[in-house]
């Protein structure tokens, strides 16, 4: 009896490719994570004053604000990305641009808005 391995030969690489690309397909960004607003911020409290900020699946969750991170544009010769931030919060909707860049140690994030620059430490994963 001869086994037909043709299906297996084509299926396994496709499954491996799908698993490897899974996070990208779900909208994961290189900046996904939870970040402290201040050195003593509580990582478990996201979106509240004194808590943390979160980026997940191209959505930024800040203090009483949520922004969809659209149109990512790589910044030439930098490990940075420029986004169109489509934000809602406190009954209003607006669009701004923000630049995101990991710090040199890759333990935090620089987030730069027009006229404002912030550095956030990444929260430890539980």
N, C-alpha and C. Protein backbone atom coordinates (compact mmCIF):
# COMPACT_ATOMS: atom_id res chain seq x y z
N UNK A 1 0.84 -1.18 0.00
CA UNK A 1 0.00 0.00 0.00
C UNK A 1 0.88 1.24 0.00
N UNK A 2 0.63 2.17 -0.92
CA UNK A 2 1.41 3.39 -1.05
C UNK A 2 0.57 4.54 -0.51
N UNK A 3 1.17 5.31 0.36
CA UNK A 3 0.46 6.48 0.92
C UNK A 3 0.66 7.67 0.00
N UNK A 4 -0.40 8.42 -0.18
CA UNK A 4 -0.31 9.65 -0.97
C UNK A 4 0.07 10.79 -0.03
N UNK A 5 1.30 11.25 -0.14
CA UNK A 5 1.78 12.32 0.74
C UNK A 5 1.69 13.69 0.08
N UNK A 6 1.10 13.75 -1.10
CA UNK A 6 0.99 15.02 -1.80
C UNK A 6 0.23 16.04 -0.97
N UNK A 7 -0.90 15.64 -0.42
CA UNK A 7 -1.70 16.55 0.39
C UNK A 7 -0.91 17.03 1.60
N UNK A 8 -0.20 16.10 2.25
CA UNK A 8 0.57 16.47 3.43
C UNK A 8 1.70 17.42 3.06
N UNK A 9 2.33 17.20 1.93
CA UNK A 9 3.45 18.03 1.51
C UNK A 9 3.00 19.46 1.28
N UNK A 10 1.80 19.65 0.76
CA UNK A 10 1.31 21.01 0.51
C UNK A 10 0.59 21.59 1.72
N UNK A 11 0.00 20.78 2.54
CA UNK A 11 -0.77 21.27 3.67
C UNK A 11 0.13 21.75 4.81
N UNK A 12 1.15 20.99 5.18
CA UNK A 12 2.00 21.36 6.31
C UNK A 12 2.70 22.70 6.11
N UNK A 13 3.29 22.99 4.95
CA UNK A 13 3.89 24.31 4.79
C UNK A 13 2.86 25.44 4.87
N UNK A 14 1.67 25.18 4.34
CA UNK A 14 0.63 26.21 4.41
C UNK A 14 0.18 26.46 5.84
N UNK A 15 0.07 25.40 6.63
CA UNK A 15 -0.29 25.55 8.04
C UNK A 15 0.80 26.32 8.77
N UNK A 16 2.05 25.98 8.52
CA UNK A 16 3.17 26.68 9.17
C UNK A 16 3.17 28.16 8.80
N UNK A 17 2.91 28.46 7.53
CA UNK A 17 2.85 29.85 7.09
C UNK A 17 1.71 30.58 7.77
N UNK A 18 0.55 29.96 7.87
CA UNK A 18 -0.60 30.59 8.52
C UNK A 18 -0.31 30.87 9.99
N UNK A 19 0.35 29.93 10.67
CA UNK A 19 0.68 30.14 12.08
C UNK A 19 1.70 31.25 12.24
N UNK A 20 2.66 31.32 11.35
CA UNK A 20 3.68 32.35 11.44
C UNK A 20 3.11 33.73 11.17
N UNK A 21 2.15 33.81 10.27
CA UNK A 21 1.56 35.10 9.91
C UNK A 21 0.35 35.44 10.76
N UNK A 22 -0.07 34.58 11.62
CA UNK A 22 -1.27 34.79 12.42
C UNK A 22 -1.33 36.12 13.13
N UNK A 23 -0.31 36.51 13.93
CA UNK A 23 -0.37 37.79 14.61
C UNK A 23 -0.50 38.97 13.65
N UNK A 24 0.19 38.93 12.53
CA UNK A 24 0.09 40.03 11.57
C UNK A 24 -1.32 40.11 11.00
N UNK A 25 -1.90 38.96 10.75
CA UNK A 25 -3.25 38.95 10.19
C UNK A 25 -4.27 39.49 11.18
N UNK A 26 -3.98 39.34 12.46
CA UNK A 26 -4.89 39.84 13.49
C UNK A 26 -4.66 41.31 13.79
N UNK A 27 -3.71 41.94 13.13
CA UNK A 27 -3.47 43.36 13.34
C UNK A 27 -2.46 43.65 14.43
N UNK A 28 -1.67 42.69 14.81
CA UNK A 28 -0.66 42.93 15.85
C UNK A 28 0.37 43.91 15.32
N UNK A 29 0.82 44.80 16.20
CA UNK A 29 1.86 45.74 15.82
C UNK A 29 3.11 45.43 16.63
N UNK A 30 4.26 45.94 16.21
CA UNK A 30 5.49 45.69 16.98
C UNK A 30 5.46 46.39 18.33
N UNK A 31 4.49 47.24 18.56
CA UNK A 31 4.40 48.00 19.80
C UNK A 31 3.37 47.43 20.77
N UNK A 32 2.75 46.32 20.41
CA UNK A 32 1.76 45.71 21.30
C UNK A 32 2.35 45.48 22.68
N UNK A 33 1.58 45.83 23.69
CA UNK A 33 2.03 45.63 25.07
C UNK A 33 1.33 46.60 26.00
N UNK A 34 1.69 46.50 27.27
CA UNK A 34 1.17 47.38 28.30
C UNK A 34 2.34 48.22 28.80
N UNK A 35 2.12 49.52 28.94
CA UNK A 35 3.17 50.46 29.31
C UNK A 35 2.75 51.30 30.50
N UNK A 36 3.69 51.56 31.40
CA UNK A 36 3.43 52.37 32.59
C UNK A 36 3.39 53.85 32.23
N UNK A 37 2.36 54.56 32.75
CA UNK A 37 2.31 56.01 32.56
C UNK A 37 3.37 56.70 33.40
N UNK A 38 3.62 56.17 34.59
CA UNK A 38 4.63 56.69 35.50
C UNK A 38 5.41 55.51 36.06
N UNK A 39 6.51 55.80 36.74
CA UNK A 39 7.36 54.73 37.29
C UNK A 39 6.59 53.82 38.26
N UNK A 40 5.64 54.38 39.00
CA UNK A 40 4.90 53.60 40.00
C UNK A 40 3.51 53.18 39.53
N UNK A 41 3.25 53.26 38.24
CA UNK A 41 1.93 52.94 37.71
C UNK A 41 1.58 51.47 37.93
N UNK A 42 0.31 51.22 38.10
CA UNK A 42 -0.21 49.86 38.28
C UNK A 42 -0.48 49.28 36.89
N UNK A 43 0.26 48.26 36.53
CA UNK A 43 0.17 47.67 35.19
C UNK A 43 -1.19 47.02 34.92
N UNK A 44 -1.86 46.55 35.95
CA UNK A 44 -3.15 45.87 35.76
C UNK A 44 -4.28 46.85 35.48
N UNK A 45 -4.09 48.13 35.77
CA UNK A 45 -5.13 49.14 35.56
C UNK A 45 -4.83 49.88 34.26
N UNK A 46 -5.58 49.56 33.22
CA UNK A 46 -5.35 50.17 31.91
C UNK A 46 -6.42 51.23 31.65
N UNK A 47 -5.96 52.40 31.17
CA UNK A 47 -6.89 53.44 30.74
C UNK A 47 -7.41 54.34 31.84
N UNK A 48 -6.78 54.30 33.01
CA UNK A 48 -7.20 55.18 34.10
C UNK A 48 -5.99 55.99 34.58
N UNK A 49 -6.24 57.12 35.18
CA UNK A 49 -5.18 57.95 35.72
C UNK A 49 -4.37 57.16 36.74
N UNK A 50 -3.06 57.19 36.62
CA UNK A 50 -2.19 56.44 37.52
C UNK A 50 -2.01 54.99 37.14
N UNK A 51 -2.65 54.58 36.06
CA UNK A 51 -2.53 53.20 35.60
C UNK A 51 -1.59 53.10 34.43
N UNK A 52 -1.96 52.28 33.48
CA UNK A 52 -1.10 52.01 32.34
C UNK A 52 -1.82 52.25 31.02
N UNK A 53 -1.05 52.26 29.97
CA UNK A 53 -1.55 52.38 28.60
C UNK A 53 -1.37 51.03 27.93
N UNK A 54 -2.16 50.78 26.92
CA UNK A 54 -2.07 49.49 26.25
C UNK A 54 -2.18 49.69 24.75
N UNK A 55 -1.38 48.91 24.02
CA UNK A 55 -1.49 48.85 22.56
C UNK A 55 -1.72 47.39 22.24
N UNK A 56 -2.82 47.14 21.52
CA UNK A 56 -3.17 45.77 21.15
C UNK A 56 -3.92 45.78 19.83
N UNK A 57 -3.44 45.00 18.89
CA UNK A 57 -4.09 44.85 17.59
C UNK A 57 -4.35 46.20 16.94
N UNK A 58 -3.31 47.05 16.94
CA UNK A 58 -3.37 48.38 16.32
C UNK A 58 -4.41 49.30 16.94
N UNK A 59 -4.67 49.13 18.23
CA UNK A 59 -5.51 50.07 18.97
C UNK A 59 -4.75 50.52 20.21
N UNK A 60 -4.67 51.84 20.39
CA UNK A 60 -4.02 52.44 21.55
C UNK A 60 -5.11 52.77 22.57
N UNK A 61 -4.95 52.25 23.79
CA UNK A 61 -5.89 52.52 24.88
C UNK A 61 -5.19 53.42 25.88
N UNK A 62 -5.61 54.68 25.95
CA UNK A 62 -5.03 55.64 26.88
C UNK A 62 -6.01 55.96 27.98
N UNK A 63 -5.77 57.06 28.69
CA UNK A 63 -6.66 57.49 29.77
C UNK A 63 -7.91 58.08 29.13
N UNK A 64 -9.01 57.36 29.25
CA UNK A 64 -10.31 57.76 28.71
C UNK A 64 -10.27 58.08 27.22
N UNK A 65 -9.37 57.42 26.49
CA UNK A 65 -9.28 57.60 25.04
C UNK A 65 -8.89 56.27 24.40
N UNK A 66 -9.38 56.08 23.19
CA UNK A 66 -9.05 54.90 22.40
C UNK A 66 -8.75 55.38 20.99
N UNK A 67 -7.61 54.96 20.44
CA UNK A 67 -7.21 55.40 19.10
C UNK A 67 -6.90 54.20 18.22
N UNK A 68 -7.48 54.19 17.05
CA UNK A 68 -7.15 53.20 16.05
C UNK A 68 -5.90 53.67 15.33
N UNK A 69 -4.88 52.83 15.29
CA UNK A 69 -3.59 53.18 14.69
C UNK A 69 -3.63 52.78 13.21
N UNK A 70 -3.82 53.77 12.34
CA UNK A 70 -4.01 53.50 10.92
C UNK A 70 -2.81 53.99 10.10
N UNK A 71 -2.70 53.46 8.90
CA UNK A 71 -1.69 53.88 7.92
C UNK A 71 -0.27 53.90 8.48
N UNK A 72 0.22 52.80 9.01
CA UNK A 72 1.59 52.80 9.54
C UNK A 72 2.60 53.09 8.44
N UNK A 73 3.51 54.02 8.73
CA UNK A 73 4.54 54.41 7.78
C UNK A 73 5.89 54.31 8.46
N UNK A 74 6.76 53.47 7.94
CA UNK A 74 8.09 53.33 8.52
C UNK A 74 8.88 54.61 8.29
N UNK A 75 9.63 55.02 9.30
CA UNK A 75 10.47 56.20 9.19
C UNK A 75 11.84 55.74 8.69
N UNK A 76 12.27 56.32 7.60
CA UNK A 76 13.52 55.90 6.96
C UNK A 76 14.71 56.07 7.90
N UNK A 77 15.55 55.04 7.95
CA UNK A 77 16.78 55.01 8.75
C UNK A 77 16.53 55.10 10.26
N UNK A 78 15.32 54.78 10.69
CA UNK A 78 15.00 54.77 12.12
C UNK A 78 14.14 53.54 12.41
N UNK A 79 14.22 53.05 13.62
CA UNK A 79 13.34 51.97 14.07
C UNK A 79 12.09 52.62 14.64
N UNK A 80 11.31 53.26 13.78
CA UNK A 80 10.15 54.05 14.22
C UNK A 80 9.04 53.95 13.18
N UNK A 81 7.82 54.20 13.64
CA UNK A 81 6.65 54.13 12.77
C UNK A 81 5.76 55.34 13.03
N UNK A 82 5.27 55.95 11.98
CA UNK A 82 4.35 57.08 12.06
C UNK A 82 2.95 56.55 11.78
N UNK A 83 2.00 56.91 12.63
CA UNK A 83 0.61 56.44 12.49
C UNK A 83 -0.35 57.62 12.39
N UNK A 84 -1.46 57.39 11.69
CA UNK A 84 -2.62 58.27 11.78
C UNK A 84 -3.47 57.69 12.90
N UNK A 85 -3.65 58.45 13.96
CA UNK A 85 -4.39 58.00 15.13
C UNK A 85 -5.83 58.51 15.03
N UNK A 86 -6.75 57.59 14.87
CA UNK A 86 -8.17 57.94 14.79
C UNK A 86 -8.77 57.70 16.17
N UNK A 87 -8.95 58.79 16.92
CA UNK A 87 -9.24 58.71 18.35
C UNK A 87 -10.67 59.08 18.71
N UNK A 88 -11.14 58.46 19.78
CA UNK A 88 -12.42 58.82 20.40
C UNK A 88 -12.21 58.84 21.91
N UNK A 89 -12.89 59.78 22.54
CA UNK A 89 -12.82 59.87 23.99
C UNK A 89 -13.58 61.07 24.49
N UNK A 90 -14.17 60.91 25.65
CA UNK A 90 -14.94 61.98 26.28
C UNK A 90 -15.94 62.62 25.32
N UNK A 91 -16.60 61.79 24.51
CA UNK A 91 -17.65 62.26 23.61
C UNK A 91 -17.17 62.93 22.35
N UNK A 92 -15.88 62.91 22.07
CA UNK A 92 -15.34 63.56 20.89
C UNK A 92 -14.59 62.56 20.01
N UNK A 93 -14.42 62.92 18.74
CA UNK A 93 -13.66 62.13 17.78
C UNK A 93 -12.67 63.06 17.08
N UNK A 94 -11.43 62.61 16.90
CA UNK A 94 -10.42 63.43 16.23
C UNK A 94 -9.35 62.53 15.62
N UNK A 95 -8.55 63.12 14.75
CA UNK A 95 -7.44 62.42 14.12
C UNK A 95 -6.16 63.22 14.34
N UNK A 96 -5.11 62.54 14.73
CA UNK A 96 -3.79 63.15 14.91
C UNK A 96 -2.76 62.17 14.41
N UNK A 97 -1.54 62.63 14.25
CA UNK A 97 -0.44 61.75 13.88
C UNK A 97 0.42 61.53 15.11
N UNK A 98 0.95 60.33 15.22
CA UNK A 98 1.85 60.00 16.33
C UNK A 98 2.97 59.11 15.82
N UNK A 99 4.15 59.33 16.34
CA UNK A 99 5.31 58.53 16.01
C UNK A 99 5.61 57.62 17.19
N UNK A 100 5.87 56.36 16.92
CA UNK A 100 6.22 55.39 17.96
C UNK A 100 7.57 54.78 17.62
N UNK A 101 8.36 54.61 18.70
CA UNK A 101 9.70 54.08 18.53
C UNK A 101 10.12 53.40 19.83
N UNK A 102 10.66 52.18 19.74
CA UNK A 102 11.16 51.54 20.96
C UNK A 102 12.39 52.28 21.46
N UNK A 103 12.61 52.23 22.79
CA UNK A 103 13.82 52.84 23.31
C UNK A 103 15.03 51.97 22.95
N UNK A 104 16.23 52.47 23.21
CA UNK A 104 17.46 51.78 22.78
C UNK A 104 17.59 50.39 23.39
N UNK A 105 17.08 50.19 24.61
CA UNK A 105 17.18 48.90 25.29
C UNK A 105 16.00 47.98 24.96
N UNK A 106 15.04 48.49 24.20
CA UNK A 106 13.82 47.76 23.86
C UNK A 106 13.04 47.35 25.11
N UNK A 107 13.07 48.21 26.13
CA UNK A 107 12.32 47.98 27.37
C UNK A 107 11.19 48.99 27.52
N UNK A 108 11.07 49.87 26.56
CA UNK A 108 10.03 50.90 26.64
C UNK A 108 9.70 51.46 25.27
N UNK A 109 8.91 52.51 25.29
CA UNK A 109 8.37 53.07 24.06
C UNK A 109 8.42 54.59 24.12
N UNK A 110 8.87 55.19 23.03
CA UNK A 110 8.73 56.63 22.85
C UNK A 110 7.49 56.85 22.02
N UNK A 111 6.65 57.77 22.45
CA UNK A 111 5.44 58.12 21.71
C UNK A 111 5.43 59.63 21.56
N UNK A 112 5.45 60.10 20.31
CA UNK A 112 5.59 61.53 20.05
C UNK A 112 4.37 62.02 19.27
N UNK A 113 3.67 62.97 19.87
CA UNK A 113 2.53 63.65 19.25
C UNK A 113 3.00 65.06 18.91
N UNK A 114 2.26 65.79 18.14
CA UNK A 114 2.63 67.16 17.78
C UNK A 114 2.77 68.01 19.04
N UNK A 115 4.02 68.34 19.38
CA UNK A 115 4.26 69.19 20.54
C UNK A 115 4.48 68.45 21.85
N UNK A 116 4.34 67.12 21.86
CA UNK A 116 4.49 66.33 23.09
C UNK A 116 5.30 65.07 22.82
N UNK A 117 6.17 64.74 23.76
CA UNK A 117 6.95 63.50 23.65
C UNK A 117 6.88 62.78 24.99
N UNK A 118 6.63 61.48 24.95
CA UNK A 118 6.51 60.67 26.15
C UNK A 118 7.39 59.44 26.02
N UNK A 119 7.90 58.97 27.16
CA UNK A 119 8.60 57.70 27.21
C UNK A 119 7.92 56.84 28.25
N UNK A 120 7.55 55.63 27.85
CA UNK A 120 6.85 54.71 28.74
C UNK A 120 7.66 53.43 28.90
N UNK A 121 7.78 52.95 30.15
CA UNK A 121 8.41 51.66 30.40
C UNK A 121 7.39 50.56 30.13
N UNK A 122 7.85 49.48 29.56
CA UNK A 122 6.97 48.33 29.30
C UNK A 122 6.71 47.59 30.61
N UNK A 123 5.49 47.17 30.82
CA UNK A 123 5.13 46.36 31.98
C UNK A 123 5.64 44.94 31.78
N UNK A 124 6.03 44.31 32.85
CA UNK A 124 6.44 42.90 32.80
C UNK A 124 5.22 42.06 32.47
N UNK A 125 5.41 41.04 31.66
CA UNK A 125 4.30 40.12 31.37
C UNK A 125 4.13 39.18 32.55
N UNK A 126 2.87 38.91 32.92
CA UNK A 126 2.63 38.02 34.08
C UNK A 126 3.05 36.59 33.80
